[in-house]
Amino acid sequence: SDTCNVVLTLARIWCGVVTDQVHSKDGAAEWVLPRLPTEHRPVLARARAIYLDDEEDGWDDLRLEASAYAEHVAAKIDRLPGVHSAS
């Protein structure tokens, strides 16, 4: 789904900028998960499980949390050295 792709893409961007390496969606999720505040981990864990076909795609129970995750990770990326916000 779009939600899954956005969640994993944000993880890949954060991981890639910090490590200066390209990672798979699964690899980036593994790197990002322990760096997330506890409240955002279920969102990335769900996206990773969906990507690995371990779970059915569904976000009704995490819709608000997914939005908060996206805001958190986008802010983390924006604050990284060498990353310039478009705003």
N, C-alpha and C. Protein backbone atom coordinates (compact mmCIF):
# COMPACT_ATOMS: atom_id res chain seq x y z
N SER A 1 0.84 -1.19 0.00
CA SER A 1 0.00 0.00 0.00
C SER A 1 0.88 1.24 0.00
N ASP A 2 0.26 2.37 -0.24
CA ASP A 2 0.99 3.64 -0.20
C ASP A 2 1.56 3.90 1.19
N THR A 3 0.79 3.60 2.21
CA THR A 3 1.26 3.83 3.58
C THR A 3 2.52 3.03 3.85
N CYS A 4 2.50 1.78 3.49
CA CYS A 4 3.66 0.91 3.70
C CYS A 4 4.88 1.46 2.97
N ASN A 5 4.69 1.85 1.71
CA ASN A 5 5.80 2.38 0.93
C ASN A 5 6.36 3.67 1.50
N VAL A 6 5.50 4.56 1.95
CA VAL A 6 5.96 5.82 2.54
C VAL A 6 6.75 5.55 3.82
N VAL A 7 6.22 4.70 4.67
CA VAL A 7 6.88 4.37 5.94
C VAL A 7 8.28 3.80 5.68
N LEU A 8 8.37 2.86 4.75
CA LEU A 8 9.66 2.24 4.46
C LEU A 8 10.61 3.18 3.72
N THR A 9 10.08 4.02 2.85
CA THR A 9 10.92 4.98 2.13
C THR A 9 11.54 5.98 3.08
N LEU A 10 10.76 6.47 4.03
CA LEU A 10 11.32 7.39 5.03
C LEU A 10 12.44 6.71 5.82
N ALA A 11 12.24 5.45 6.16
CA ALA A 11 13.29 4.71 6.88
C ALA A 11 14.54 4.59 6.01
N ARG A 12 14.36 4.31 4.72
CA ARG A 12 15.52 4.19 3.82
C ARG A 12 16.27 5.50 3.68
N ILE A 13 15.54 6.60 3.60
CA ILE A 13 16.19 7.90 3.48
C ILE A 13 17.02 8.20 4.73
N TRP A 14 16.40 8.05 5.90
CA TRP A 14 17.11 8.32 7.16
C TRP A 14 18.36 7.44 7.26
N CYS A 15 18.18 6.16 7.07
CA CYS A 15 19.28 5.21 7.17
C CYS A 15 20.36 5.53 6.13
N GLY A 16 19.95 5.80 4.91
CA GLY A 16 20.90 6.06 3.84
C GLY A 16 21.73 7.31 4.06
N VAL A 17 21.09 8.37 4.52
CA VAL A 17 21.82 9.62 4.76
C VAL A 17 22.81 9.45 5.91
N VAL A 18 22.40 8.78 6.96
CA VAL A 18 23.29 8.61 8.12
C VAL A 18 24.44 7.65 7.83
N THR A 19 24.16 6.55 7.15
CA THR A 19 25.19 5.53 6.92
C THR A 19 25.95 5.74 5.62
N ASP A 20 25.44 6.61 4.76
CA ASP A 20 26.03 6.86 3.44
C ASP A 20 26.08 5.58 2.61
N GLN A 21 25.06 4.74 2.78
CA GLN A 21 24.93 3.49 2.03
C GLN A 21 23.48 3.32 1.62
N VAL A 22 23.28 2.58 0.52
CA VAL A 22 21.93 2.25 0.09
C VAL A 22 21.54 0.94 0.77
N HIS A 23 20.38 0.93 1.39
CA HIS A 23 19.89 -0.26 2.09
C HIS A 23 18.57 -0.71 1.49
N SER A 24 18.30 -1.99 1.60
CA SER A 24 16.99 -2.50 1.22
C SER A 24 15.95 -1.93 2.17
N LYS A 25 14.69 -2.05 1.81
CA LYS A 25 13.63 -1.58 2.70
C LYS A 25 13.70 -2.33 4.03
N ASP A 26 13.90 -3.63 3.94
CA ASP A 26 14.00 -4.45 5.14
C ASP A 26 15.23 -4.08 5.97
N GLY A 27 16.35 -3.90 5.32
CA GLY A 27 17.58 -3.53 6.02
C GLY A 27 17.49 -2.17 6.68
N ALA A 28 16.88 -1.22 5.99
CA ALA A 28 16.70 0.12 6.56
C ALA A 28 15.78 0.05 7.77
N ALA A 29 14.71 -0.72 7.66
CA ALA A 29 13.78 -0.85 8.78
C ALA A 29 14.50 -1.44 10.00
N GLU A 30 15.34 -2.42 9.76
CA GLU A 30 16.10 -3.04 10.86
C GLU A 30 17.02 -2.01 11.52
N TRP A 31 17.63 -1.15 10.72
CA TRP A 31 18.53 -0.12 11.25
C TRP A 31 17.76 0.95 12.02
N VAL A 32 16.61 1.36 11.48
CA VAL A 32 15.84 2.47 12.07
C VAL A 32 15.09 2.05 13.33
N LEU A 33 14.54 0.85 13.36
CA LEU A 33 13.68 0.44 14.49
C LEU A 33 14.25 0.76 15.87
N PRO A 34 15.48 0.38 16.18
CA PRO A 34 15.97 0.67 17.53
C PRO A 34 16.26 2.15 17.78
N ARG A 35 16.27 2.94 16.73
CA ARG A 35 16.54 4.38 16.87
C ARG A 35 15.26 5.20 17.01
N LEU A 36 14.13 4.54 16.89
CA LEU A 36 12.84 5.22 17.02
C LEU A 36 12.38 5.26 18.46
N PRO A 37 11.66 6.32 18.83
CA PRO A 37 10.98 6.28 20.13
C PRO A 37 9.99 5.11 20.13
N THR A 38 9.77 4.55 21.27
CA THR A 38 8.91 3.37 21.40
C THR A 38 7.56 3.53 20.72
N GLU A 39 6.96 4.71 20.82
CA GLU A 39 5.62 4.89 20.26
C GLU A 39 5.57 4.82 18.74
N HIS A 40 6.70 4.97 18.06
CA HIS A 40 6.71 4.92 16.59
C HIS A 40 7.12 3.55 16.04
N ARG A 41 7.62 2.70 16.88
CA ARG A 41 8.11 1.40 16.42
C ARG A 41 7.03 0.50 15.82
N PRO A 42 5.81 0.46 16.36
CA PRO A 42 4.80 -0.42 15.76
C PRO A 42 4.50 -0.10 14.30
N VAL A 43 4.61 1.16 13.93
CA VAL A 43 4.32 1.56 12.54
C VAL A 43 5.36 0.96 11.60
N LEU A 44 6.63 1.14 11.92
CA LEU A 44 7.68 0.60 11.06
C LEU A 44 7.70 -0.92 11.12
N ALA A 45 7.44 -1.49 12.27
CA ALA A 45 7.38 -2.95 12.39
C ALA A 45 6.27 -3.51 11.51
N ARG A 46 5.12 -2.85 11.48
CA ARG A 46 4.01 -3.29 10.63
C ARG A 46 4.40 -3.20 9.16
N ALA A 47 4.99 -2.08 8.75
CA ALA A 47 5.38 -1.90 7.35
C ALA A 47 6.39 -2.97 6.93
N ARG A 48 7.33 -3.25 7.80
CA ARG A 48 8.34 -4.27 7.51
C ARG A 48 7.69 -5.65 7.38
N ALA A 49 6.78 -5.96 8.28
CA ALA A 49 6.09 -7.25 8.23
C ALA A 49 5.26 -7.38 6.96
N ILE A 50 4.60 -6.31 6.56
CA ILE A 50 3.82 -6.32 5.31
C ILE A 50 4.76 -6.54 4.13
N TYR A 51 5.86 -5.81 4.11
CA TYR A 51 6.84 -5.93 3.03
C TYR A 51 7.37 -7.36 2.92
N LEU A 52 7.58 -8.00 4.05
CA LEU A 52 8.11 -9.37 4.07
C LEU A 52 7.02 -10.43 3.92
N ASP A 53 5.78 -9.97 3.68
CA ASP A 53 4.61 -10.86 3.55
C ASP A 53 4.33 -11.66 4.81
N ASP A 54 4.70 -11.11 5.96
CA ASP A 54 4.41 -11.76 7.23
C ASP A 54 3.07 -11.30 7.81
N GLU A 55 2.52 -10.22 7.25
CA GLU A 55 1.24 -9.66 7.71
C GLU A 55 0.44 -9.18 6.52
N GLU A 56 -0.87 -9.17 6.69
CA GLU A 56 -1.75 -8.58 5.68
C GLU A 56 -1.61 -7.07 5.74
N ASP A 57 -1.77 -6.43 4.59
CA ASP A 57 -1.69 -4.97 4.52
C ASP A 57 -2.94 -4.38 5.15
N GLY A 58 -2.76 -3.58 6.18
CA GLY A 58 -3.88 -2.92 6.85
C GLY A 58 -3.36 -1.89 7.83
N TRP A 59 -4.01 -0.72 7.83
CA TRP A 59 -3.52 0.39 8.64
C TRP A 59 -4.60 1.05 9.48
N ASP A 60 -5.81 0.52 9.48
CA ASP A 60 -6.90 1.18 10.20
C ASP A 60 -6.56 1.42 11.67
N ASP A 61 -5.89 0.46 12.29
CA ASP A 61 -5.57 0.59 13.72
C ASP A 61 -4.34 1.45 14.00
N LEU A 62 -3.58 1.79 12.96
CA LEU A 62 -2.36 2.59 13.16
C LEU A 62 -2.34 3.84 12.28
N ARG A 63 -3.48 4.25 11.78
CA ARG A 63 -3.52 5.39 10.85
C ARG A 63 -2.93 6.66 11.48
N LEU A 64 -3.38 7.02 12.67
CA LEU A 64 -2.85 8.22 13.33
C LEU A 64 -1.38 8.06 13.69
N GLU A 65 -1.01 6.87 14.13
CA GLU A 65 0.37 6.61 14.49
C GLU A 65 1.29 6.68 13.27
N ALA A 66 0.78 6.24 12.11
CA ALA A 66 1.58 6.30 10.88
C ALA A 66 1.88 7.75 10.51
N SER A 67 0.91 8.61 10.69
CA SER A 67 1.11 10.03 10.42
C SER A 67 2.15 10.62 11.37
N ALA A 68 2.06 10.27 12.64
CA ALA A 68 3.02 10.77 13.63
C ALA A 68 4.43 10.23 13.33
N TYR A 69 4.51 8.97 12.92
CA TYR A 69 5.80 8.38 12.52
C TYR A 69 6.41 9.18 11.37
N ALA A 70 5.60 9.45 10.35
CA ALA A 70 6.10 10.18 9.18
C ALA A 70 6.62 11.56 9.57
N GLU A 71 5.89 12.24 10.42
CA GLU A 71 6.33 13.57 10.87
C GLU A 71 7.64 13.47 11.65
N HIS A 72 7.72 12.48 12.52
CA HIS A 72 8.93 12.30 13.34
C HIS A 72 10.15 12.02 12.47
N VAL A 73 10.02 11.06 11.56
CA VAL A 73 11.17 10.67 10.74
C VAL A 73 11.55 11.79 9.77
N ALA A 74 10.57 12.45 9.18
CA ALA A 74 10.87 13.58 8.29
C ALA A 74 11.62 14.67 9.04
N ALA A 75 11.24 14.93 10.28
CA ALA A 75 11.94 15.93 11.09
C ALA A 75 13.37 15.48 11.39
N LYS A 76 13.55 14.19 11.68
CA LYS A 76 14.90 13.66 11.92
C LYS A 76 15.77 13.86 10.69
N ILE A 77 15.22 13.54 9.52
CA ILE A 77 15.97 13.69 8.27
C ILE A 77 16.33 15.15 8.04
N ASP A 78 15.37 16.03 8.25
CA ASP A 78 15.58 17.47 8.06
C ASP A 78 16.71 18.02 8.92
N ARG A 79 16.89 17.44 10.11
CA ARG A 79 17.90 17.93 11.04
C ARG A 79 19.30 17.35 10.80
N LEU A 80 19.40 16.41 9.87
CA LEU A 80 20.71 15.79 9.61
C LEU A 80 21.63 16.77 8.89
N PRO A 81 22.92 16.74 9.21
CA PRO A 81 23.87 17.61 8.52
C PRO A 81 23.85 17.35 7.01
N GLY A 82 23.85 18.41 6.26
CA GLY A 82 23.87 18.28 4.80
C GLY A 82 22.52 18.14 4.16
N VAL A 83 21.47 18.03 4.96
CA VAL A 83 20.11 17.93 4.42
C VAL A 83 19.46 19.29 4.58
N HIS A 84 18.95 19.80 3.48
CA HIS A 84 18.33 21.13 3.51
C HIS A 84 16.85 20.99 3.22
N SER A 85 16.04 21.53 4.08
CA SER A 85 14.59 21.50 3.93
C SER A 85 14.19 22.37 2.75
N ALA A 86 13.12 21.96 2.07
CA ALA A 86 12.58 22.73 0.95
C ALA A 86 11.80 23.93 1.43
N SER A 87 11.51 24.00 2.73
CA SER A 87 10.71 25.11 3.24
C SER A 87 11.53 26.34 3.52
